[in-house]
Protein backbone atom coordinates (compact mmCIF):
# COMPACT_ATOMS: atom_id res chain seq x y z
CA MET A 1 225.56 -89.21 -194.77
CA SER A 2 228.71 -90.58 -197.17
CA ALA A 3 227.45 -91.22 -200.31
CA ASP A 4 227.55 -94.59 -200.62
CA ASP A 5 227.54 -97.76 -203.37
CA SER A 6 223.63 -97.35 -203.87
CA LYS A 7 223.57 -94.09 -204.58
CA LEU A 8 227.46 -94.14 -207.40
CA SER A 9 226.01 -96.97 -208.77
CA ASN A 10 222.90 -95.61 -210.65
CA LEU A 11 225.08 -91.71 -211.89
CA SER A 12 222.82 -89.37 -213.86
CA LYS A 13 224.31 -87.81 -217.42
CA THR A 14 225.55 -85.44 -215.27
CA PRO A 15 227.29 -87.18 -213.30
CA LEU A 16 229.61 -83.66 -211.44
CA GLU A 17 226.20 -82.54 -210.42
CA ASP A 18 225.58 -86.06 -209.25
CA ALA A 19 229.60 -85.44 -207.04
CA LYS A 20 227.90 -81.45 -206.77
CA GLN A 21 224.69 -82.91 -204.41
CA PHE A 22 226.79 -86.14 -202.10
CA ILE A 23 229.69 -83.39 -201.26
CA ALA A 24 226.38 -81.07 -200.12
CA ILE A 25 224.67 -83.92 -198.03
CA ASP A 26 227.92 -84.65 -196.34
CA VAL A 27 228.85 -81.18 -195.74
CA ILE A 28 224.84 -80.27 -193.96
CA LYS A 29 226.11 -83.71 -191.90
CA ALA A 30 229.60 -81.63 -191.58
CA VAL A 31 227.55 -78.90 -189.87
CA LYS A 32 225.35 -80.65 -187.55
CA ASP A 33 228.79 -82.55 -185.93
CA ALA A 34 230.39 -79.21 -185.86
CA PHE A 35 228.20 -76.87 -184.47
CA ASP A 36 225.16 -78.30 -183.76
CA VAL A 37 222.94 -77.41 -186.17
CA GLU A 38 220.52 -78.79 -188.49
CA ILE A 39 219.80 -77.86 -191.95
CA THR A 40 217.15 -79.71 -193.45
CA GLY A 41 214.83 -79.28 -197.10
CA GLU A 42 215.73 -80.11 -199.90
CA LYS A 43 215.92 -75.97 -200.91
CA ASP A 44 218.76 -75.63 -198.24
CA THR A 45 220.32 -79.20 -199.86
CA LYS A 46 220.22 -76.98 -203.35
CA ILE A 47 221.52 -74.11 -201.93
CA ILE A 48 224.76 -75.80 -200.39
CA LYS A 49 225.31 -77.62 -203.37
CA ASP A 50 225.32 -74.65 -206.13
CA LYS A 51 228.08 -73.14 -203.98
CA ILE A 52 230.31 -75.77 -204.67
CA GLU A 53 231.85 -74.83 -207.67
CA ILE A 54 235.11 -76.48 -210.12
CA SER A 55 238.19 -75.35 -208.81
CA ASN A 56 240.73 -72.85 -209.89
CA ASN A 57 243.82 -74.72 -208.28
CA LYS A 58 246.90 -76.03 -210.34
CA ALA A 59 245.69 -79.82 -212.05
CA GLY A 60 245.77 -82.15 -209.06
CA GLN A 61 245.72 -80.24 -206.03
CA SER A 62 241.83 -80.50 -205.80
CA ASP A 63 238.15 -80.05 -208.53
CA LEU A 64 236.12 -78.73 -206.65
CA ALA A 65 235.65 -76.15 -203.91
CA MET A 66 233.24 -74.80 -201.24
CA PRO A 67 234.05 -71.25 -200.00
CA ALA A 68 232.82 -70.77 -196.59
CA PHE A 69 230.31 -67.86 -197.19
CA ALA A 70 228.14 -70.38 -198.64
CA LEU A 71 227.29 -71.36 -195.11
CA ALA A 72 226.82 -68.01 -193.45
CA LYS A 73 222.53 -68.14 -193.56
CA PHE A 74 222.94 -71.40 -191.68
CA LEU A 75 226.18 -70.23 -189.19
CA ARG A 76 224.85 -66.66 -188.45
CA GLY A 77 227.90 -65.46 -186.29
CA LYS A 78 230.67 -67.14 -186.95
CA LYS A 79 233.55 -66.43 -188.89
CA PRO A 80 234.11 -67.27 -192.63
CA PHE A 81 238.04 -68.67 -191.82
CA GLU A 82 235.74 -71.00 -188.64
CA ILE A 83 233.13 -71.45 -190.67
CA ALA A 84 235.73 -73.55 -193.71
CA THR A 85 238.37 -74.61 -191.14
CA LYS A 86 235.85 -76.90 -188.82
CA ILE A 87 234.18 -77.88 -191.80
CA GLY A 88 237.00 -79.30 -194.18
CA GLU A 89 238.61 -80.97 -190.82
CA LYS A 90 234.70 -82.95 -190.56
CA LEU A 91 234.74 -83.59 -194.14
CA LYS A 92 238.40 -84.69 -194.66
CA GLU A 93 237.10 -87.61 -191.10
CA SER A 94 234.77 -88.57 -193.96
CA CYS A 95 237.07 -88.71 -197.04
CA GLU A 96 237.81 -92.59 -195.94
CA ALA A 97 234.41 -93.18 -196.15
CA SER A 98 233.43 -91.15 -199.42
CA GLU A 99 233.64 -92.61 -202.66
CA VAL A 100 233.31 -89.66 -204.24
CA TYR A 101 236.29 -87.39 -202.79
CA ASP A 102 239.49 -88.42 -200.67
CA ASP A 103 241.61 -85.65 -199.71
CA VAL A 104 240.16 -82.43 -198.61
CA LYS A 105 242.35 -78.82 -198.50
CA VAL A 106 241.06 -75.85 -196.60
CA GLU A 107 242.96 -72.48 -197.61
CA LYS A 108 241.98 -68.70 -196.29
CA ILE A 109 238.30 -69.37 -196.46
CA TYR A 110 238.26 -71.82 -199.31
CA ILE A 111 237.40 -76.05 -198.78
CA ASN A 112 239.71 -77.09 -201.82
CA ILE A 113 238.20 -81.35 -202.28
CA LYS A 114 239.71 -83.70 -204.77
CA LEU A 115 237.11 -85.99 -206.61
CA SER A 116 238.68 -90.12 -206.02
CA ALA A 117 239.89 -92.10 -208.42
CA GLU A 118 237.07 -94.66 -207.83
CA PHE A 119 234.11 -92.15 -208.76
CA LEU A 120 235.66 -91.11 -211.58
CA CYS A 121 236.33 -94.96 -212.51
CA LYS A 122 233.11 -94.56 -211.85
CA ILE A 123 232.23 -92.31 -214.64
CA MET A 124 234.39 -93.79 -217.45
CA ASP A 125 232.57 -97.02 -216.51
CA ALA A 126 229.25 -94.97 -217.01
CA ALA A 127 229.94 -93.36 -220.10
CA VAL A 128 230.81 -97.09 -221.95
CA ASN A 129 228.36 -99.11 -220.34
CA GLY A 130 225.81 -97.14 -218.87
CA ASP A 131 223.26 -94.30 -219.93
CA LEU A 132 225.84 -91.02 -220.18
CA LEU A 133 225.99 -90.70 -223.54
CA LYS A 134 222.75 -92.21 -224.69
CA PRO A 135 220.90 -89.67 -226.65
CA ASN A 136 218.43 -87.36 -224.77
CA PRO A 137 214.40 -88.09 -224.73
CA LYS A 138 212.84 -87.00 -228.31
CA THR A 139 211.79 -83.06 -227.91
CA LYS A 140 209.19 -80.95 -229.62
CA GLU A 141 211.42 -78.83 -230.76
CA LYS A 142 212.83 -78.50 -234.03
CA VAL A 143 216.06 -76.63 -235.24
CA MET A 144 217.58 -75.69 -238.41
CA ILE A 145 221.41 -75.24 -239.13
CA GLU A 146 222.71 -73.76 -241.72
CA TYR A 147 226.52 -74.23 -242.24
CA SER A 148 229.64 -74.00 -244.46
CA GLN A 149 228.58 -72.54 -247.02
CA PRO A 150 231.27 -73.42 -249.48
CA ASN A 151 231.99 -71.22 -252.42
CA THR A 152 231.91 -73.11 -255.43
CA HIS A 153 233.98 -70.60 -257.27
CA LYS A 154 237.15 -70.78 -254.91
CA ALA A 155 239.07 -74.49 -253.55
CA PHE A 156 237.64 -75.43 -250.26
CA HIS A 157 240.55 -74.45 -247.50
CA VAL A 158 241.05 -75.09 -243.90
CA GLY A 159 238.26 -72.36 -243.08
CA HIS A 160 235.70 -73.53 -244.57
CA MET A 161 236.69 -77.36 -243.23
CA ARG A 162 236.58 -75.65 -239.45
CA ASN A 163 232.93 -74.41 -240.26
CA ALA A 164 232.39 -77.99 -241.25
CA ALA A 165 233.12 -79.04 -238.53
CA LEU A 166 231.78 -76.89 -236.28
CA GLY A 167 228.12 -77.42 -237.54
CA ASP A 168 228.51 -80.78 -237.38
CA CYS A 169 229.33 -80.96 -234.25
CA LEU A 170 226.40 -78.57 -233.66
CA VAL A 171 223.75 -80.95 -235.70
CA ARG A 172 224.82 -83.58 -233.63
CA LEU A 173 224.60 -81.81 -230.06
CA TYR A 174 221.24 -80.56 -230.72
CA ASP A 175 219.68 -83.79 -232.28
CA PHE A 176 221.96 -85.44 -229.09
CA VAL A 177 219.50 -83.78 -226.43
CA GLY A 178 216.93 -84.42 -228.24
CA HIS A 179 215.96 -81.63 -231.18
CA GLU A 180 214.28 -82.82 -234.17
CA VAL A 181 217.36 -80.89 -236.21
CA ILE A 182 217.57 -79.36 -240.09
CA ALA A 183 220.64 -79.84 -241.16
CA ALA A 184 220.74 -77.51 -244.34
CA ASN A 185 223.87 -75.99 -246.80
CA TYR A 186 223.64 -73.34 -248.95
CA PHE A 187 226.44 -74.24 -251.74
CA GLY A 188 226.29 -70.79 -252.67
CA ASP A 189 226.02 -70.51 -256.28
CA GLU A 190 224.56 -67.16 -256.89
CA GLY A 191 225.39 -63.74 -255.93
CA ALA A 192 227.87 -61.16 -256.31
CA HIS A 193 230.51 -63.15 -255.43
CA ILE A 194 229.72 -65.09 -258.89
CA ALA A 195 229.36 -61.48 -260.85
CA LYS A 196 232.35 -61.34 -260.20
CA CYS A 197 233.94 -64.55 -260.96
CA LEU A 198 232.15 -64.10 -264.52
CA TRP A 199 232.83 -60.89 -265.81
CA LYS A 200 236.81 -61.63 -264.65
CA VAL A 201 236.30 -64.58 -267.16
CA ARG A 202 234.62 -62.45 -269.51
CA LYS A 203 236.98 -59.97 -269.53
CA GLU A 204 240.38 -62.64 -269.60
CA VAL A 205 238.43 -64.42 -273.09
CA SER A 206 237.80 -60.97 -274.60
CA ASP A 207 241.51 -59.42 -273.60
CA THR A 208 243.60 -62.48 -274.37
CA LYS A 209 241.52 -64.85 -276.66
CA LEU A 210 241.89 -67.70 -274.03
CA ASP A 211 239.75 -70.57 -275.17
CA ILE A 212 238.56 -71.99 -271.97
CA ASP A 213 238.08 -75.87 -273.75
CA LYS A 214 241.34 -75.73 -274.22
CA ILE A 215 242.03 -75.94 -270.09
CA GLU A 216 242.32 -79.41 -268.29
CA VAL A 217 239.26 -80.51 -266.91
CA GLU A 218 241.81 -81.21 -264.03
CA ASP A 219 243.32 -77.93 -263.92
CA ARG A 220 239.60 -76.30 -264.08
CA ALA A 221 238.70 -75.86 -260.09
CA GLU A 222 241.96 -74.45 -259.12
CA TRP A 223 241.66 -72.24 -262.33
CA LEU A 224 238.36 -70.91 -261.51
CA GLY A 225 239.17 -70.33 -258.40
CA GLY A 226 241.84 -68.49 -260.00
CA MET A 227 239.40 -66.15 -261.44
CA TYR A 228 237.30 -65.18 -258.60
CA ALA A 229 240.62 -63.95 -256.73
CA ALA A 230 242.12 -62.25 -259.27
CA ALA A 231 238.07 -59.98 -259.97
CA VAL A 232 237.90 -59.90 -255.88
CA THR A 233 241.47 -57.89 -256.07
CA ASP A 234 240.20 -55.71 -259.50
CA LEU A 235 237.08 -54.58 -257.96
CA ASP A 236 238.27 -53.61 -254.34
CA MET A 237 236.50 -50.49 -253.94
CA GLY A 238 240.51 -49.89 -252.20
CA ASN A 239 242.22 -50.57 -255.36
CA LEU A 240 239.66 -48.39 -257.34
CA THR A 241 239.56 -45.20 -255.47
CA LYS A 242 243.34 -45.47 -254.17
CA LEU A 243 244.71 -42.10 -253.57
CA PRO A 244 248.55 -42.29 -253.29
CA PHE A 245 248.92 -38.55 -253.82
CA PRO A 246 246.42 -37.32 -251.50
CA ASP A 247 247.90 -33.45 -251.80
CA VAL A 248 248.40 -33.39 -255.68
CA VAL A 249 245.56 -31.63 -257.88
CA ALA A 250 244.78 -31.79 -261.65
CA ALA A 251 245.30 -28.05 -263.04
CA LYS A 252 245.13 -26.88 -266.26
CA VAL A 253 247.36 -25.18 -268.23
CA LEU A 254 246.06 -21.66 -269.53
CA GLU A 255 249.19 -19.35 -270.85
CA VAL A 256 253.00 -19.97 -270.87
CA SER A 257 254.84 -17.11 -271.36
CA ASP A 258 259.04 -16.54 -271.41
CA HIS A 259 259.98 -15.03 -268.24
CA PRO A 260 260.52 -11.52 -267.96
CA ALA A 261 263.74 -10.88 -266.49
CA GLY A 262 266.61 -11.24 -268.39
CA ASP A 263 269.29 -13.10 -266.00
CA ALA A 264 266.82 -15.99 -265.34
CA PRO A 265 267.79 -19.97 -266.50
CA LYS A 266 266.25 -19.75 -270.25
CA ASN A 267 263.98 -22.59 -269.36
CA TRP A 268 262.23 -20.97 -267.08
CA HIS A 269 258.47 -20.36 -268.22
CA VAL A 270 255.46 -18.23 -265.84
CA VAL A 271 252.96 -20.84 -266.17
CA LYS A 272 249.29 -19.65 -265.36
CA LEU A 273 246.86 -22.57 -263.77
CA GLN A 274 243.35 -23.41 -262.95
CA THR A 275 242.75 -25.57 -260.21
CA LYS A 276 238.34 -24.91 -259.78
CA ALA A 277 236.65 -23.01 -262.21
CA ASP A 278 236.67 -19.84 -260.18
CA GLU A 279 240.82 -20.42 -259.34
CA THR A 280 243.97 -19.20 -261.48
CA LEU A 281 247.62 -19.10 -259.85
CA THR A 282 251.02 -18.87 -260.78
CA VAL A 283 253.96 -20.81 -261.38
CA VAL A 284 257.42 -20.32 -262.52
CA CYS A 285 258.52 -23.74 -263.85
CA GLY A 286 260.94 -24.82 -266.48
CA GLY A 287 260.73 -27.27 -268.52
CA ARG A 288 259.92 -28.17 -272.56
CA GLY A 289 256.84 -29.05 -274.16
CA TYR A 290 254.22 -29.02 -271.89
CA LYS A 291 251.43 -26.34 -273.48
CA VAL A 292 248.01 -23.97 -273.52
CA GLY A 293 245.34 -27.22 -272.33
CA ASP A 294 247.26 -29.81 -270.88
CA TYR A 295 246.53 -30.73 -267.48
CA VAL A 296 249.78 -31.39 -265.00
CA ALA A 297 250.32 -32.59 -261.78
CA TYR A 298 250.25 -29.33 -259.49
CA LYS A 299 250.53 -29.76 -255.20
CA PRO A 300 249.39 -26.19 -253.65
CA LEU A 301 250.85 -23.68 -250.99
CA GLY A 302 250.59 -25.12 -247.33
CA CYS A 303 251.57 -28.98 -248.86
CA ARG A 304 255.36 -30.19 -248.45
CA LEU A 305 258.33 -31.43 -250.84
CA LYS A 306 260.65 -33.55 -249.89
CA ASN A 307 260.37 -32.67 -246.88
CA LYS A 308 259.75 -28.88 -246.96
CA ASP A 309 257.04 -26.73 -246.60
CA ILE A 310 255.76 -25.24 -250.43
CA VAL A 311 255.33 -20.97 -250.01
CA GLU A 312 254.77 -18.37 -252.28
CA LYS A 313 258.19 -17.30 -253.55
CA ASP A 314 260.04 -14.61 -255.07
CA MET A 315 261.32 -16.92 -258.76
CA LYS A 316 263.45 -13.09 -260.07
CA GLY A 317 260.62 -10.54 -259.67
CA VAL A 318 257.38 -13.13 -260.21
CA THR A 319 255.73 -14.77 -257.19
CA SER A 320 255.09 -18.03 -258.17
CA LYS A 321 252.33 -20.07 -256.07
CA GLY A 322 252.55 -23.68 -255.68
CA VAL A 323 254.42 -26.74 -257.26
CA MET A 324 253.90 -28.15 -260.65
CA LEU A 325 255.45 -32.47 -260.48
CA ALA A 326 258.33 -34.04 -262.59
CA TYR A 327 257.51 -37.53 -263.44
CA THR A 328 260.24 -38.67 -260.77
CA GLU A 329 258.33 -37.03 -257.72
CA LEU A 330 255.17 -39.00 -258.69
CA ASP A 331 257.18 -42.07 -259.07
CA GLN A 332 256.90 -42.37 -262.98
CA GLN A 333 259.21 -42.57 -265.51
CA GLU A 334 259.56 -39.87 -267.74
CA PRO A 335 258.37 -41.16 -270.98
CA ALA A 336 261.01 -41.22 -274.52
CA ASP A 337 261.91 -38.51 -276.02
CA PRO A 338 260.58 -38.78 -279.02
CA LYS A 339 262.82 -36.73 -281.05
CA PRO A 340 266.44 -36.85 -280.41
CA ALA A 341 268.58 -34.47 -278.60
CA ALA A 342 270.66 -31.91 -281.52
CA ALA A 343 272.78 -31.63 -278.10
CA ALA A 344 274.58 -33.48 -275.24
CA ALA A 345 273.40 -30.76 -272.81
CA PRO A 346 271.21 -32.40 -269.58
CA LYS A 347 267.08 -32.13 -270.36
CA PRO A 348 265.19 -31.09 -267.76
CA ALA A 349 262.67 -33.38 -265.75
CA ALA A 350 259.95 -34.11 -267.05
CA ALA A 351 255.81 -33.06 -265.17
CA ALA A 352 253.69 -36.47 -265.10
CA PRO A 353 250.41 -35.81 -266.81
CA VAL A 354 247.36 -36.46 -265.22
CA GLU A 355 245.53 -39.19 -266.60
CA GLY A 356 242.85 -38.67 -267.96
CA LYS A 357 243.44 -35.09 -269.13
CA GLU A 358 244.67 -34.56 -272.61
CA LYS A 359 248.28 -34.80 -271.19
CA SER A 360 251.11 -32.28 -270.82
CA ALA A 361 254.03 -33.82 -272.95
CA GLU A 362 256.86 -33.34 -270.31
CA ALA A 363 257.72 -29.95 -268.20
CA LYS A 364 260.00 -29.05 -265.26
CA GLU A 365 259.44 -28.22 -261.69
CA GLY A 366 261.66 -25.08 -261.55
CA GLY A 367 261.52 -23.79 -258.13
CA GLY A 368 261.28 -27.52 -255.79
CA GLY A 369 259.21 -28.01 -252.44
CA GLU A 370 260.04 -24.33 -251.00
CA GLY A 371 258.67 -22.46 -253.55
CA GLY A 372 256.87 -22.69 -257.68
CA GLY A 373 258.14 -25.35 -259.78
């Protein structure tokens, strides 16, 4: 039988389920009329109802859809296309008498159903004047929802607002369905982020002699947020462990001697380096000022420099293994020469000493990327 006024006058809190129920009843009637097959019982009605789904057709074409195979259990031996066609025809004949739907179209094996404007208006009326939006009866469930969690040492931004809005919605939804809800908000006034911020504030006070009392009251929240952000950056492990030159190692200068070849450039020296406790090697390097005991930046064999492989290289009779790097090759600015140059001749590039070690004053890479340096 078709849905009538008495059935629609008191919609439940799930009006879409009501519509599916009314349509399922009409489908059962259509099966009787088209195939002379009786479908009885609430269980079978529910099976059909559960197969009615929200349509994925373009907006306005249909609202609900039912596949023909939903009726295969009751119409054994019938092809899905035949079922869809005949049931669709019967439902279309019922459109004029139904307040639930006003159009039915068959597409392949799917029966597409468009809900009527009258039914949708009844849903709106139930929402405004009926019980549709009234809270459910209270349950025995107790739910705690913890949300928002603003950082007390950082400005409240749109990300915090998103969490606050989502949390508030969940609280209201759980309350609506009848649960006892405890809304909890931890303000985050202790923890690692506070320690970081306090460390930065103390460091700033110590390094710059900052007088916190002189910061204007209206600016203190933003200033504290700046301190927190700066602390996060300063203490980030990615910054503390940054390795911009992964192939470069610290090498200790063990010996420095003049190059034995008579025709070798005057600034060439034979330098004995130590890179490990049990590893020493020889590099031919030009320059000025580096001495025994200094640590210099050294790039070993097998690496690349200036798009060339670093290999053993014969430097006028002395085999040079690797390169002692100049400041410029480490993107560093060469420090000023403490002594004025006696002549206008260009001085060789200086090699960068390794931070944290005894510093080499100045050194020049001699052989470049192909060999010694």
